[in-house]
Structure formats: structure tokens, C-alpha cells
N, C-alpha and C. Protein backbone atom coordinates (compact mmCIF):
# COMPACT_ATOMS: atom_id res chain seq x y z
N MET A 1 -6.31 -10.95 7.74
CA MET A 1 -5.88 -12.74 7.03
C MET A 1 -5.10 -12.73 8.40
N THR A 2 -4.66 -13.99 8.84
CA THR A 2 -3.78 -14.48 9.34
C THR A 2 -2.35 -14.92 8.64
N ASP A 3 -1.22 -14.71 9.17
CA ASP A 3 0.56 -14.79 8.70
C ASP A 3 0.26 -16.13 9.05
N ALA A 4 0.57 -17.17 8.11
CA ALA A 4 0.57 -18.72 8.74
C ALA A 4 2.20 -18.86 9.32
N LYS A 5 2.86 -17.84 9.02
CA LYS A 5 4.42 -18.46 9.73
C LYS A 5 4.48 -17.70 11.21
N SER A 6 3.79 -16.85 11.66
CA SER A 6 3.85 -15.99 13.14
C SER A 6 2.81 -15.99 13.81
N GLY A 7 1.10 -16.53 12.97
CA GLY A 7 0.31 -16.04 13.38
C GLY A 7 -0.63 -14.83 14.04
N LYS A 8 0.14 -13.99 13.28
CA LYS A 8 -0.34 -12.44 13.51
C LYS A 8 -0.75 -12.03 12.13
N PRO A 9 -2.45 -11.34 12.99
CA PRO A 9 -3.13 -10.56 11.66
C PRO A 9 -2.53 -9.72 10.90
N TYR A 10 -2.86 -9.66 9.44
CA TYR A 10 -2.63 -8.60 8.38
C TYR A 10 -3.63 -8.44 8.03
N TYR A 11 -3.64 -7.23 6.92
CA TYR A 11 -4.46 -6.69 6.21
C TYR A 11 -4.19 -7.07 4.85
N TYR A 12 -5.15 -7.43 3.92
CA TYR A 12 -4.94 -7.56 2.57
C TYR A 12 -5.95 -6.82 1.40
N ASN A 13 -5.64 -5.89 0.62
CA ASN A 13 -6.48 -5.15 -0.09
C ASN A 13 -6.84 -5.74 -1.39
N ALA A 14 -7.82 -6.40 -1.55
CA ALA A 14 -8.11 -7.31 -2.84
C ALA A 14 -7.97 -6.27 -4.29
N ALA A 15 -8.16 -5.09 -3.97
CA ALA A 15 -8.34 -4.16 -5.18
C ALA A 15 -6.89 -3.77 -5.32
N THR A 16 -5.89 -3.30 -4.50
CA THR A 16 -4.84 -2.79 -4.87
C THR A 16 -3.42 -4.05 -4.91
N GLY A 17 -4.05 -4.91 -3.90
CA GLY A 17 -2.93 -6.04 -4.00
C GLY A 17 -2.00 -5.70 -2.53
N VAL A 18 -2.18 -4.23 -1.97
CA VAL A 18 -1.46 -4.23 -0.91
C VAL A 18 -1.67 -4.87 0.13
N THR A 19 -0.49 -5.40 1.26
CA THR A 19 -0.75 -5.90 2.25
C THR A 19 0.20 -5.58 3.33
N GLN A 20 -0.32 -5.28 4.47
CA GLN A 20 0.32 -4.34 5.53
C GLN A 20 -0.05 -4.94 7.03
N TRP A 21 0.27 -4.70 8.10
CA TRP A 21 0.37 -5.27 9.23
C TRP A 21 -0.41 -3.91 10.05
N GLN A 22 -0.60 -2.89 9.57
CA GLN A 22 -0.98 -1.59 10.23
C GLN A 22 -2.59 -2.06 9.75
N VAL A 23 -3.81 -1.30 10.40
CA VAL A 23 -5.17 -1.42 10.39
C VAL A 23 -5.33 -0.45 9.62
N PRO A 24 -5.82 -0.48 8.36
CA PRO A 24 -5.96 0.23 7.16
C PRO A 24 -6.80 1.68 7.87
N VAL A 25 -6.36 3.11 7.14
CA VAL A 25 -7.02 3.91 7.51
C VAL A 25 -8.22 4.19 6.27
N LYS A 26 -9.65 4.53 6.26
CA LYS A 26 -10.67 4.32 5.30
C LYS A 26 -10.13 5.60 4.28
N SER A 27 -9.84 5.29 3.25
CA SER A 27 -9.38 6.47 2.28
C SER A 27 -10.32 7.33 2.22
N ARG A 28 -9.64 8.63 1.61
CA ARG A 28 -10.69 9.68 1.69
C ARG A 28 -11.27 9.35 0.06
N PHE A 29 -11.01 8.57 -0.66
CA PHE A 29 -11.47 8.60 -2.09
C PHE A 29 -12.69 7.14 -2.00
N ALA A 30 -12.80 6.70 -1.31
CA ALA A 30 -13.87 5.59 -1.04
C ALA A 30 -15.33 5.82 -0.89
N GLY A 31 -16.05 4.97 -2.11
CA GLY A 31 -17.04 5.24 -2.61
C GLY A 31 -17.19 6.52 -3.41
N ALA A 32 -16.15 7.37 -3.80
CA ALA A 32 -16.04 8.55 -4.62
C ALA A 32 -16.85 8.07 -6.01
N ALA A 33 -18.11 8.78 -6.47
CA ALA A 33 -18.40 8.44 -7.86
C ALA A 33 -18.50 9.82 -8.45
N ASP A 34 -18.66 10.31 -9.93
CA ASP A 34 -18.67 11.31 -10.59
C ASP A 34 -20.26 11.58 -10.23
N VAL A 35 -20.55 12.54 -9.40
CA VAL A 35 -22.06 13.04 -9.07
C VAL A 35 -21.99 14.49 -9.37
N SER A 36 -20.84 15.17 -9.94
CA SER A 36 -20.96 16.71 -10.47
C SER A 36 -20.23 16.62 -11.89
N SER A 37 -20.70 17.50 -12.68
CA SER A 37 -20.02 18.02 -13.90
C SER A 37 -19.01 18.69 -13.92
N GLU A 38 -18.98 19.46 -12.66
CA GLU A 38 -18.14 20.67 -12.47
C GLU A 38 -16.90 20.08 -12.21
N ARG A 39 -15.88 20.82 -12.76
CA ARG A 39 -14.40 20.21 -12.97
C ARG A 39 -13.80 20.92 -11.37
N SER A 40 -13.28 20.08 -10.33
CA SER A 40 -12.95 20.32 -9.08
C SER A 40 -11.75 19.42 -8.74
N LEU A 41 -11.28 19.98 -7.72
CA LEU A 41 -10.22 18.92 -6.75
C LEU A 41 -10.62 18.23 -6.15
N THR A 42 -11.63 17.70 -5.95
CA THR A 42 -12.61 16.94 -4.96
C THR A 42 -12.76 15.32 -5.49
N PRO A 43 -12.88 14.54 -4.87
CA PRO A 43 -13.24 12.99 -5.13
C PRO A 43 -14.11 12.83 -6.06
N GLU A 44 -15.22 13.68 -5.77
CA GLU A 44 -16.34 13.41 -6.82
C GLU A 44 -15.49 13.81 -8.37
N CYS A 45 -14.99 14.33 -8.62
CA CYS A 45 -14.29 14.82 -10.04
C CYS A 45 -13.23 13.99 -10.66
N THR A 46 -13.43 13.07 -11.39
CA THR A 46 -12.81 11.92 -11.93
C THR A 46 -11.61 13.05 -13.18
N TRP A 47 -10.55 12.93 -13.46
CA TRP A 47 -9.56 13.46 -14.46
C TRP A 47 -9.04 12.35 -15.16
N LYS A 48 -9.24 12.85 -16.35
CA LYS A 48 -8.32 11.56 -17.51
C LYS A 48 -7.19 12.27 -17.86
N VAL A 49 -6.14 11.73 -17.94
CA VAL A 49 -4.65 12.22 -18.23
C VAL A 49 -4.09 11.39 -19.15
N LYS A 50 -3.24 11.61 -20.25
CA LYS A 50 -2.46 11.39 -21.03
C LYS A 50 -0.85 11.26 -20.76
N LEU A 51 0.05 10.50 -20.48
CA LEU A 51 1.28 10.35 -20.34
C LEU A 51 2.08 10.17 -21.85
N ASP A 52 2.96 11.03 -22.19
CA ASP A 52 3.55 10.47 -23.29
C ASP A 52 5.11 10.56 -22.88
N LEU A 53 5.72 9.45 -22.55
CA LEU A 53 6.85 9.19 -21.84
C LEU A 53 7.95 9.04 -22.88
N LYS A 54 9.16 9.96 -22.79
CA LYS A 54 10.06 10.23 -24.16
C LYS A 54 11.14 10.49 -23.01
N LEU A 55 12.54 9.66 -23.07
CA LEU A 55 13.88 10.19 -22.34
C LEU A 55 14.58 11.33 -23.83
N PRO A 56 15.10 11.77 -23.39
CA PRO A 56 16.48 12.74 -23.83
C PRO A 56 16.97 11.74 -24.91
N ALA A 57 17.42 10.32 -24.58
CA ALA A 57 18.35 9.42 -25.49
C ALA A 57 17.28 8.64 -26.43
N SER A 58 16.12 8.82 -26.11
CA SER A 58 15.22 7.96 -26.99
C SER A 58 14.00 8.73 -28.33
N ALA A 59 14.04 7.98 -29.02
CA ALA A 59 13.40 8.58 -30.50
C ALA A 59 12.02 8.21 -30.33
N SER A 60 11.43 7.05 -29.72
CA SER A 60 10.42 6.74 -29.42
C SER A 60 9.72 7.28 -28.31
N THR A 61 8.06 7.12 -28.53
CA THR A 61 7.47 7.79 -27.24
C THR A 61 6.45 6.56 -26.67
N ILE A 62 6.36 6.50 -25.36
CA ILE A 62 5.43 5.58 -25.09
C ILE A 62 4.04 6.32 -24.06
N THR A 63 2.91 5.52 -24.60
CA THR A 63 2.03 6.22 -24.14
C THR A 63 1.26 5.83 -23.14
N LEU A 64 0.91 6.44 -21.93
CA LEU A 64 0.15 6.14 -20.81
C LEU A 64 -1.03 6.47 -20.84
N THR A 65 -2.12 6.31 -20.21
CA THR A 65 -3.28 6.83 -19.88
C THR A 65 -4.02 6.90 -18.43
N ALA A 66 -4.55 7.37 -17.62
CA ALA A 66 -4.77 7.18 -16.22
C ALA A 66 -6.16 7.84 -15.98
N ASN A 67 -7.06 7.60 -15.06
CA ASN A 67 -7.95 8.14 -14.39
C ASN A 67 -7.79 8.43 -13.33
N ILE A 68 -7.75 9.55 -12.56
CA ILE A 68 -7.11 10.02 -11.54
C ILE A 68 -8.17 11.04 -10.82
N ARG A 69 -7.85 11.07 -9.10
CA ARG A 69 -8.77 12.03 -8.31
C ARG A 69 -7.89 12.86 -7.91
N PHE A 70 -8.58 14.12 -7.19
CA PHE A 70 -7.67 14.82 -6.16
C PHE A 70 -8.81 15.21 -4.79
N ALA A 71 -8.35 15.15 -3.78
CA ALA A 71 -8.88 15.30 -2.43
C ALA A 71 -8.33 16.52 -1.99
N GLU A 72 -8.67 18.05 -2.10
CA GLU A 72 -8.44 18.78 -1.15
C GLU A 72 -8.34 18.81 0.01
N GLU A 73 -7.38 19.27 1.02
CA GLU A 73 -7.60 19.22 2.35
C GLU A 73 -7.77 20.76 3.08
N SER A 74 -8.67 20.94 3.74
CA SER A 74 -9.12 22.51 4.31
C SER A 74 -7.56 22.53 5.29
N GLY A 75 -7.67 23.78 5.20
CA GLY A 75 -6.63 24.75 6.10
C GLY A 75 -5.16 24.92 5.70
N PHE A 76 -5.26 24.61 4.50
CA PHE A 76 -3.89 24.71 4.40
C PHE A 76 -3.87 26.24 3.15
N GLU A 77 -2.54 26.73 3.08
CA GLU A 77 -2.24 27.97 1.86
C GLU A 77 -0.67 27.39 1.85
N PRO A 78 -0.44 27.53 0.50
CA PRO A 78 -1.12 27.41 -0.32
C PRO A 78 -2.04 26.14 -0.53
N PRO A 79 -3.40 25.72 -1.28
CA PRO A 79 -4.19 24.77 -0.87
C PRO A 79 -3.32 23.25 -1.60
N GLN A 80 -3.84 22.12 -0.80
CA GLN A 80 -3.12 21.07 -1.07
C GLN A 80 -3.78 19.94 -0.33
N GLY A 81 -3.53 18.61 -0.90
CA GLY A 81 -4.58 17.27 -0.39
C GLY A 81 -3.59 16.23 -1.08
N PHE A 82 -4.71 15.14 -1.34
CA PHE A 82 -4.51 13.79 -1.81
C PHE A 82 -4.76 13.60 -3.04
N THR A 83 -3.88 12.55 -3.75
CA THR A 83 -4.15 11.92 -5.00
C THR A 83 -4.18 10.48 -5.17
N SER A 84 -5.22 10.15 -5.87
CA SER A 84 -5.77 8.79 -5.96
C SER A 84 -5.55 8.39 -7.78
N ILE A 85 -5.04 7.61 -7.95
CA ILE A 85 -5.25 6.68 -9.26
C ILE A 85 -6.25 5.59 -9.49
N GLU A 86 -7.39 5.73 -10.10
CA GLU A 86 -8.35 4.77 -10.44
C GLU A 86 -8.14 3.64 -10.98
N SER A 87 -7.60 3.95 -12.04
CA SER A 87 -7.02 3.16 -13.25
C SER A 87 -5.82 3.51 -14.05
N CYS A 88 -5.37 2.64 -14.93
CA CYS A 88 -4.57 3.06 -16.14
C CYS A 88 -4.33 2.16 -17.15
N LEU A 89 -3.97 2.52 -18.33
CA LEU A 89 -3.74 1.58 -19.27
C LEU A 89 -1.91 1.92 -19.87
N PRO A 90 -1.48 1.16 -19.87
CA PRO A 90 -1.52 -0.53 -20.02
C PRO A 90 -1.76 -0.81 -18.44
N GLU A 91 -2.40 -1.85 -18.10
CA GLU A 91 -2.84 -2.12 -17.23
C GLU A 91 -1.38 -2.63 -16.22
N GLY A 92 -1.40 -2.44 -14.67
CA GLY A 92 0.05 -2.49 -14.10
C GLY A 92 1.13 -1.52 -14.25
N ALA A 93 0.91 -0.62 -15.06
CA ALA A 93 2.07 0.43 -15.65
C ALA A 93 2.01 1.57 -13.86
N LEU A 94 1.05 2.06 -13.50
CA LEU A 94 0.87 2.99 -12.12
C LEU A 94 0.70 2.23 -11.37
N THR A 95 0.97 2.60 -9.78
CA THR A 95 0.61 2.02 -8.52
C THR A 95 -1.06 2.58 -8.44
N LEU A 96 -1.81 1.95 -8.23
CA LEU A 96 -3.23 2.37 -8.17
C LEU A 96 -3.49 2.56 -6.80
N GLY A 97 -4.59 3.52 -6.66
CA GLY A 97 -4.65 3.73 -4.90
C GLY A 97 -4.43 5.13 -4.81
N GLU A 98 -4.68 5.52 -3.39
CA GLU A 98 -4.17 7.00 -2.95
C GLU A 98 -2.80 6.79 -3.14
N GLN A 99 -1.95 8.07 -3.31
CA GLN A 99 -0.49 7.93 -3.43
C GLN A 99 0.19 8.49 -2.11
N SER A 100 1.37 8.26 -2.28
CA SER A 100 1.82 8.38 -0.70
C SER A 100 2.13 9.83 -0.64
N THR A 101 2.40 10.76 -1.46
CA THR A 101 2.63 12.27 -1.38
C THR A 101 1.90 13.11 -1.80
N ARG A 102 1.50 14.26 -1.27
CA ARG A 102 0.48 15.51 -1.56
C ARG A 102 0.66 16.21 -2.86
N TRP A 103 -0.26 16.66 -3.56
CA TRP A 103 -0.14 17.37 -4.58
C TRP A 103 -0.33 19.04 -3.90
N THR A 104 0.52 19.92 -4.50
CA THR A 104 0.16 21.44 -3.85
C THR A 104 -0.21 22.37 -5.35
N LEU A 105 -0.66 23.37 -5.09
CA LEU A 105 -0.66 24.57 -5.97
C LEU A 105 0.44 25.50 -5.94
N SER A 106 0.91 25.64 -6.73
CA SER A 106 1.98 26.80 -6.48
C SER A 106 2.01 27.99 -7.54
N GLU A 107 2.53 29.04 -6.84
CA GLU A 107 2.73 30.22 -7.72
C GLU A 107 4.34 30.44 -8.68
N ASP A 108 5.27 29.55 -8.21
CA ASP A 108 6.46 29.56 -8.75
C ASP A 108 7.25 28.51 -8.26
N PRO A 109 7.41 27.26 -8.54
CA PRO A 109 7.90 26.23 -8.33
C PRO A 109 9.57 26.28 -8.04
N GLU A 110 10.17 27.24 -8.39
CA GLU A 110 11.08 27.63 -8.21
C GLU A 110 11.65 28.36 -6.75
N ASP A 111 10.65 29.11 -6.49
CA ASP A 111 10.88 29.92 -5.44
C ASP A 111 9.59 30.07 -4.86
N ARG A 112 9.04 29.23 -3.79
CA ARG A 112 7.72 28.91 -3.30
C ARG A 112 7.67 30.16 -2.14
N LYS A 113 8.60 31.14 -1.74
CA LYS A 113 8.36 31.89 -0.80
C LYS A 113 7.84 33.13 -1.31
N ASP A 114 7.48 33.51 -2.47
CA ASP A 114 6.78 34.77 -3.19
C ASP A 114 5.50 34.38 -3.28
N SER A 115 4.56 35.26 -2.93
CA SER A 115 3.49 35.25 -3.16
C SER A 115 3.22 36.54 -3.69
N LEU A 116 2.65 36.73 -4.94
CA LEU A 116 1.82 38.01 -5.59
C LEU A 116 1.32 38.53 -4.91
N TRP A 117 -0.20 37.44 -4.83
CA TRP A 117 -1.38 37.97 -4.20
C TRP A 117 -1.37 38.54 -2.93
N ILE A 118 -0.53 38.17 -2.23
CA ILE A 118 -0.32 38.41 -0.54
C ILE A 118 0.31 40.11 -0.74
N TRP A 119 1.03 40.65 -1.78
CA TRP A 119 1.70 41.51 -1.65
C TRP A 119 0.64 42.65 -2.38
N GLY A 120 -0.45 42.13 -2.73
CA GLY A 120 -1.64 42.99 -3.72
C GLY A 120 -1.38 43.42 -4.91
N LEU A 121 -0.79 42.55 -5.54
CA LEU A 121 -0.71 42.65 -6.72
C LEU A 121 -1.83 42.14 -7.68
N PHE A 122 -2.46 40.74 -6.83
CA PHE A 122 -3.85 40.46 -7.31
C PHE A 122 -4.89 40.25 -6.41
N SER A 123 -6.10 40.17 -6.22
CA SER A 123 -7.41 40.29 -5.54
C SER A 123 -7.10 38.75 -4.60
N GLU A 124 -6.62 37.65 -5.69
CA GLU A 124 -6.91 36.59 -4.82
C GLU A 124 -5.60 35.75 -5.36
N PRO A 125 -5.25 34.43 -4.76
CA PRO A 125 -3.99 33.86 -5.50
C PRO A 125 -4.52 32.99 -6.92
N LEU A 126 -3.27 33.10 -7.44
CA LEU A 126 -3.55 32.79 -9.02
C LEU A 126 -3.05 31.26 -8.90
N TYR A 127 -1.83 30.91 -8.43
CA TYR A 127 -1.21 29.55 -8.38
C TYR A 127 -1.30 29.08 -10.11
N PRO A 128 -0.71 29.36 -10.77
CA PRO A 128 -0.53 28.63 -12.17
C PRO A 128 0.01 27.35 -12.23
N PHE A 129 0.30 26.87 -11.02
CA PHE A 129 0.81 25.44 -11.29
C PHE A 129 0.44 24.29 -10.25
N ILE A 130 -0.32 23.18 -10.43
CA ILE A 130 -0.36 22.30 -9.72
C ILE A 130 1.03 21.42 -9.50
N ILE A 131 1.67 20.91 -8.76
CA ILE A 131 2.53 19.93 -8.70
C ILE A 131 2.28 18.67 -7.56
N PHE A 132 2.41 17.72 -8.55
CA PHE A 132 1.94 16.28 -7.77
C PHE A 132 2.90 15.03 -8.45
N GLU A 133 2.60 14.02 -7.62
CA GLU A 133 3.46 13.09 -7.97
C GLU A 133 2.94 11.69 -8.30
N MET A 134 3.09 10.43 -9.01
CA MET A 134 2.52 9.59 -9.32
C MET A 134 3.99 8.20 -9.14
N ASP A 135 3.37 6.96 -8.73
CA ASP A 135 4.40 6.23 -8.85
C ASP A 135 4.20 4.77 -10.19
N LEU A 136 5.19 5.05 -10.93
CA LEU A 136 5.57 3.70 -11.73
C LEU A 136 5.66 2.56 -10.87
N GLU A 137 4.72 1.58 -11.69
CA GLU A 137 4.72 0.03 -10.71
C GLU A 137 5.77 -0.64 -11.45
N ALA A 138 6.38 -0.28 -12.67
CA ALA A 138 7.58 -1.10 -13.27
C ALA A 138 8.08 -0.38 -14.23
N PRO A 139 9.36 -0.59 -14.47
CA PRO A 139 10.06 0.26 -15.48
C PRO A 139 9.39 0.70 -16.61
N VAL A 140 9.68 1.80 -17.32
CA VAL A 140 9.30 1.89 -18.72
C VAL A 140 10.51 1.57 -19.71
N GLU A 141 10.47 0.58 -20.58
CA GLU A 141 11.69 0.32 -21.35
C GLU A 141 11.41 0.98 -23.03
N PHE A 142 12.60 1.09 -23.13
CA PHE A 142 12.84 1.92 -24.66
C PHE A 142 13.64 0.50 -24.96
N PRO A 143 13.17 -0.49 -26.00
CA PRO A 143 14.41 -1.56 -26.12
C PRO A 143 15.06 -1.06 -27.28
N GLU A 144 14.68 -0.38 -28.48
CA GLU A 144 15.66 0.07 -29.41
C GLU A 144 16.58 0.96 -29.01
N GLU A 145 16.60 1.81 -28.08
CA GLU A 145 17.77 2.19 -27.53
C GLU A 145 18.52 2.11 -26.35
N GLY A 146 18.02 0.78 -25.88
CA GLY A 146 18.51 0.28 -24.61
C GLY A 146 18.42 1.11 -23.35
N VAL A 147 17.47 1.92 -23.05
CA VAL A 147 17.49 2.82 -22.00
C VAL A 147 15.69 2.40 -21.50
N SER A 148 15.67 3.27 -20.25
CA SER A 148 14.42 3.02 -19.62
C SER A 148 14.14 4.03 -18.40
N ILE A 149 13.26 4.13 -18.36
CA ILE A 149 12.43 5.20 -16.71
C ILE A 149 12.70 4.05 -15.72
N PRO A 150 13.42 4.37 -14.75
CA PRO A 150 13.14 3.28 -13.60
C PRO A 150 11.76 3.30 -12.69
N LYS A 151 11.47 2.31 -12.26
CA LYS A 151 10.23 2.07 -11.33
C LYS A 151 10.47 3.27 -10.03
N GLY A 152 9.55 3.88 -10.07
CA GLY A 152 9.26 4.86 -8.65
C GLY A 152 8.59 5.88 -9.04
N THR A 153 9.11 6.76 -8.45
CA THR A 153 8.19 8.06 -8.61
C THR A 153 8.44 8.77 -9.97
N LEU A 154 7.35 9.36 -10.46
CA LEU A 154 7.05 10.63 -11.55
C LEU A 154 6.79 11.82 -10.78
N TYR A 155 7.34 13.03 -11.28
CA TYR A 155 7.20 14.00 -10.57
C TYR A 155 6.50 15.11 -11.64
N PHE A 156 5.52 15.76 -11.65
CA PHE A 156 4.48 16.36 -12.58
C PHE A 156 4.56 17.95 -12.23
N GLN A 157 4.72 18.94 -13.20
CA GLN A 157 4.50 20.14 -12.95
C GLN A 157 3.30 20.74 -14.22
N VAL A 158 2.12 21.19 -14.06
CA VAL A 158 1.23 20.94 -15.00
C VAL A 158 0.25 22.32 -14.75
N ASP A 159 -0.08 22.91 -15.77
CA ASP A 159 -0.82 24.31 -15.95
C ASP A 159 -2.01 24.19 -15.08
N HIS A 160 -2.30 25.02 -14.28
CA HIS A 160 -3.92 25.10 -13.35
C HIS A 160 -4.58 26.83 -13.64
N ARG A 161 -5.64 26.80 -13.85
CA ARG A 161 -6.29 28.04 -13.91
C ARG A 161 -8.01 27.60 -13.10
N ARG A 162 -8.19 29.11 -12.58
CA ARG A 162 -9.88 28.95 -12.13
C ARG A 162 -10.37 29.91 -13.20
N LYS A 163 -11.62 28.90 -13.89
CA LYS A 163 -12.52 30.13 -14.73
C LYS A 163 -13.69 29.80 -14.32
N ASP A 164 -14.81 30.83 -14.16
CA ASP A 164 -16.25 30.63 -13.49
C ASP A 164 -16.03 29.58 -12.69
N GLY A 165 -15.19 29.62 -11.44
CA GLY A 165 -15.50 28.80 -10.29
C GLY A 165 -15.13 27.22 -10.62
N GLN A 166 -14.69 27.17 -11.94
CA GLN A 166 -14.05 25.29 -12.20
C GLN A 166 -12.88 25.43 -12.12
N VAL A 167 -12.01 24.36 -12.07
CA VAL A 167 -10.75 23.95 -12.53
C VAL A 167 -10.49 24.10 -13.78
N GLN A 168 -9.71 24.08 -14.27
CA GLN A 168 -8.87 23.71 -15.46
C GLN A 168 -7.46 23.22 -15.60
N LEU A 169 -7.26 22.22 -15.71
CA LEU A 169 -5.67 21.73 -15.83
C LEU A 169 -5.19 21.30 -17.39
N GLY A 170 -4.16 22.03 -17.64
CA GLY A 170 -3.80 21.70 -18.88
C GLY A 170 -2.50 20.73 -19.11
N GLU A 171 -1.45 21.08 -19.49
CA GLU A 171 -0.55 20.38 -19.88
C GLU A 171 0.93 20.71 -19.24
N GLY A 172 1.90 19.82 -18.79
CA GLY A 172 2.81 19.91 -18.20
C GLY A 172 4.08 18.94 -18.19
N ALA A 173 4.96 19.34 -17.65
CA ALA A 173 6.40 18.59 -17.68
C ALA A 173 6.42 17.26 -16.89
N VAL A 174 7.00 16.24 -17.48
CA VAL A 174 7.44 15.12 -16.28
C VAL A 174 8.92 14.41 -16.28
N SER A 175 9.07 14.46 -15.02
CA SER A 175 10.31 13.82 -15.06
C SER A 175 10.31 12.85 -13.64
N TYR A 176 11.68 12.43 -13.61
CA TYR A 176 12.03 11.50 -12.61
C TYR A 176 13.55 11.87 -12.09
N LYS A 177 13.87 11.21 -10.63
CA LYS A 177 14.74 11.70 -10.10
C LYS A 177 15.96 11.00 -9.90
N VAL A 178 17.30 11.20 -10.26
CA VAL A 178 18.55 10.05 -9.77
C VAL A 178 19.26 10.61 -8.88
N THR A 179 19.55 10.02 -7.93
CA THR A 179 20.36 10.32 -6.55
C THR A 179 21.45 9.64 -6.62
N GLU A 180 22.39 11.10 -6.33
CA GLU A 180 23.80 10.92 -6.55
C GLU A 180 24.68 11.38 -5.70
N LYS A 181 25.65 10.87 -4.88
CA LYS A 181 26.25 10.84 -3.79
C LYS A 181 27.44 11.74 -4.57
N LEU A 182 27.40 13.06 -3.77
CA LEU A 182 28.69 13.90 -4.06
C LEU A 182 29.34 14.28 -2.62
N ALA A 183 30.61 14.58 -2.94
CA ALA A 183 31.21 14.75 -1.82
C ALA A 183 31.04 16.23 -1.35
N ALA A 184 31.02 16.38 0.09
CA ALA A 184 30.86 18.01 0.95
C ALA A 184 31.85 18.32 1.19
N ASP A 185 33.07 18.04 0.84
CA ASP A 185 34.28 18.35 0.93
C ASP A 185 35.51 18.37 0.08
N LEU A 186 36.50 18.56 0.22
CA LEU A 186 37.75 18.52 -0.82
C LEU A 186 38.37 17.09 -0.72
N VAL A 187 38.28 17.06 0.94
CA VAL A 187 39.17 15.24 1.22
C VAL A 187 38.28 14.20 0.93
N GLY A 188 36.81 14.57 0.89
CA GLY A 188 35.62 13.41 0.93
C GLY A 188 35.09 12.76 1.94
N LEU A 189 35.68 13.65 3.14
CA LEU A 189 35.43 12.84 4.49
C LEU A 189 33.90 12.74 4.78
N SER A 190 33.12 14.29 3.86
CA SER A 190 31.60 13.69 4.39
C SER A 190 30.84 13.88 3.06
N GLU A 191 29.46 13.60 2.52
CA GLU A 191 29.23 13.63 1.59
C GLU A 191 27.46 13.95 1.64
N PHE A 192 27.04 14.11 0.73
CA PHE A 192 25.61 14.42 0.56
C PHE A 192 24.98 14.03 -0.12
N ALA A 193 23.53 13.55 -0.92
CA ALA A 193 22.72 13.17 -1.70
C ALA A 193 22.11 14.32 -2.47
N TYR A 194 22.29 14.27 -4.16
CA TYR A 194 21.84 15.27 -5.15
C TYR A 194 20.90 14.43 -5.76
N ASP A 195 19.56 15.20 -5.75
CA ASP A 195 18.45 14.47 -6.62
C ASP A 195 18.64 15.28 -7.98
N GLU A 196 18.93 14.75 -8.81
CA GLU A 196 19.17 15.47 -10.59
C GLU A 196 17.69 15.12 -11.03
N ALA A 197 16.95 16.05 -11.47
CA ALA A 197 15.87 15.67 -12.02
C ALA A 197 15.77 15.28 -13.94
N ILE A 198 15.40 14.06 -14.00
CA ILE A 198 15.80 13.79 -15.55
C ILE A 198 14.16 14.09 -16.25
N PRO A 199 14.18 14.94 -17.25
CA PRO A 199 12.93 15.07 -18.20
C PRO A 199 12.72 13.84 -18.93
N CYS A 200 11.29 13.63 -18.75
CA CYS A 200 11.16 12.17 -19.39
C CYS A 200 9.29 11.97 -20.32
N GLY A 201 9.29 13.47 -20.75
CA GLY A 201 7.93 13.46 -21.17
C GLY A 201 6.89 14.65 -20.85
N LYS A 202 5.61 14.32 -21.37
CA LYS A 202 4.97 15.31 -20.90
C LYS A 202 3.35 14.57 -20.38
N ILE A 203 2.72 15.19 -19.84
CA ILE A 203 1.43 14.83 -19.35
C ILE A 203 0.01 15.95 -19.83
N ARG A 204 -0.98 15.55 -20.20
CA ARG A 204 -1.71 16.29 -20.61
C ARG A 204 -3.22 15.89 -20.18
N PHE A 205 -3.98 16.83 -19.58
CA PHE A 205 -5.40 16.76 -19.18
C PHE A 205 -6.27 16.74 -20.04
N LEU A 206 -6.89 15.32 -20.36
CA LEU A 206 -7.69 15.39 -21.60
C LEU A 206 -9.28 16.26 -21.55
N ASP A 207 -9.63 16.30 -20.25
CA ASP A 207 -11.06 17.12 -19.76
C ASP A 207 -10.84 18.53 -20.38
N THR A 208 -9.86 19.15 -19.71
CA THR A 208 -9.75 20.50 -20.29
C THR A 208 -8.72 21.55 -20.67
N ALA A 209 -7.95 20.58 -21.07
CA ALA A 209 -6.33 21.32 -21.94
C ALA A 209 -7.12 22.16 -23.03
N ASP A 210 -7.44 21.45 -23.68
CA ASP A 210 -8.07 22.27 -25.17
C ASP A 210 -8.61 23.55 -24.87
N GLY A 211 -9.47 23.50 -23.57
CA GLY A 211 -10.25 24.93 -23.46
C GLY A 211 -9.05 26.01 -22.56
N MET A 212 -8.10 25.90 -22.54
CA MET A 212 -7.38 26.42 -21.44
C MET A 212 -6.37 27.52 -22.11
N SER A 213 -6.40 28.58 -21.54
CA SER A 213 -5.39 30.04 -21.84
C SER A 213 -4.24 30.01 -21.23
N LYS A 214 -3.15 30.38 -22.05
CA LYS A 214 -1.80 30.56 -21.36
C LYS A 214 -1.72 31.59 -20.42
N GLY A 215 -2.54 32.39 -20.84
CA GLY A 215 -2.63 33.93 -20.17
C GLY A 215 -3.00 33.71 -18.56
N LEU A 216 -2.73 34.68 -17.94
CA LEU A 216 -3.24 34.77 -16.39
C LEU A 216 -3.90 35.86 -16.22
N LEU A 217 -4.13 36.85 -17.00
CA LEU A 217 -5.23 37.68 -16.73
C LEU A 217 -6.57 37.84 -17.97
């Protein structure tokens, strides 16, 4: 399309509502459909998720549901790739389309340097967690308590297993981050930003969570 003010061409995605000056890159998820019954981290597999959002100061819970896809990128260890939100309810709650950040599999989110399988304790990496993000399109309000989850990124850490060659995803924690500026010295001449994680509920993968075992072996 052409910008009426500047006369320059721009690009508008009618499906997602995104407007941009740059030439769009073809999505890794374009044309993807459920062509396989196997559970996998590929665009051909849709995952149904349920988000039960609840703040520590709130007594009520707000539920969102979404259909999402993963696309693993080759050549990475631990495995990682891209996420796309295909749809959500209520509509407009989550930002649809390919997300700006990558997902990754992890052994220990608190200490990503260690790898038990590299040291010979297991024959292959177990990666008990998948870590990924999705964006809230608008704040989630809890009117009775007068609190809200702000618009922006939600962070997820979810149980991940492999069984008979198929992926199993279970439940996990949801959080968002608040950036606070702290003094880096006693006289306050310098400062740094600290991202505090605020727990705000849980996520459940409805396709495989019921069949998952918590044990790693």
C-alpha cells in the first residue's frame, strides 16, 4: 500500500493487522496445517493451551485459551526455534502470528551451563523444560481487586518429555516482569535495570498434559 502523507510504499498484513515499512519475510508457519497426528515441535502440529491467570493479590482467575505452533530450527543445541499463535479466546487477548522471541529446551533454567547428558549421566539430553514467551495484546484486569497484568510479554516454563519419539508438554508457571532501576553504587551516580519476575498463574497443554509422568526416567 502507499502512505498518503509521504508517498512511500508500506506493507499491511490483513490477517494480523501489522503495518510495517520493511518487506515482510515469509513466515515459517505459512500454509502450515495439521497433516500429522504425531505430537511434535513442528509447524504441522497445533497445540491447544489453557492459561489460568491469577495474581498474588487477586482472588479470582481469568482464563485464556489459544492454539499455538512451534517450528524447530536446525543446528542448535539445546534445541530452539520459533512460536506462532494461531488463535485465542477471548479474541484480541494475545498477539497473533509469529512471536518475536525464540523458544528453547532447557535442563535447568536456573543454571544453563550444566548438561547432565554431556557428562555421561544419560545417553541423550532429557531437557525437562521448554521455555517460551507470548505477548498480551492488552492488560488483563482484575476489577474486584483493582490490579492487572500489564500489556506485554508473558514468560512460560513448561514440563517437556519425549515418549516413543513424540513430544509431551504438560503444565508450567506463567510470569511477567517489572523493570526497576536500582543504584549501582552507594552515592547513586550509576544505576542498572533489574527485571523482577512476578508469578501470574499457570499454563496447561491440553493435548498431552493428562498423559505425562513427572518422573524423568
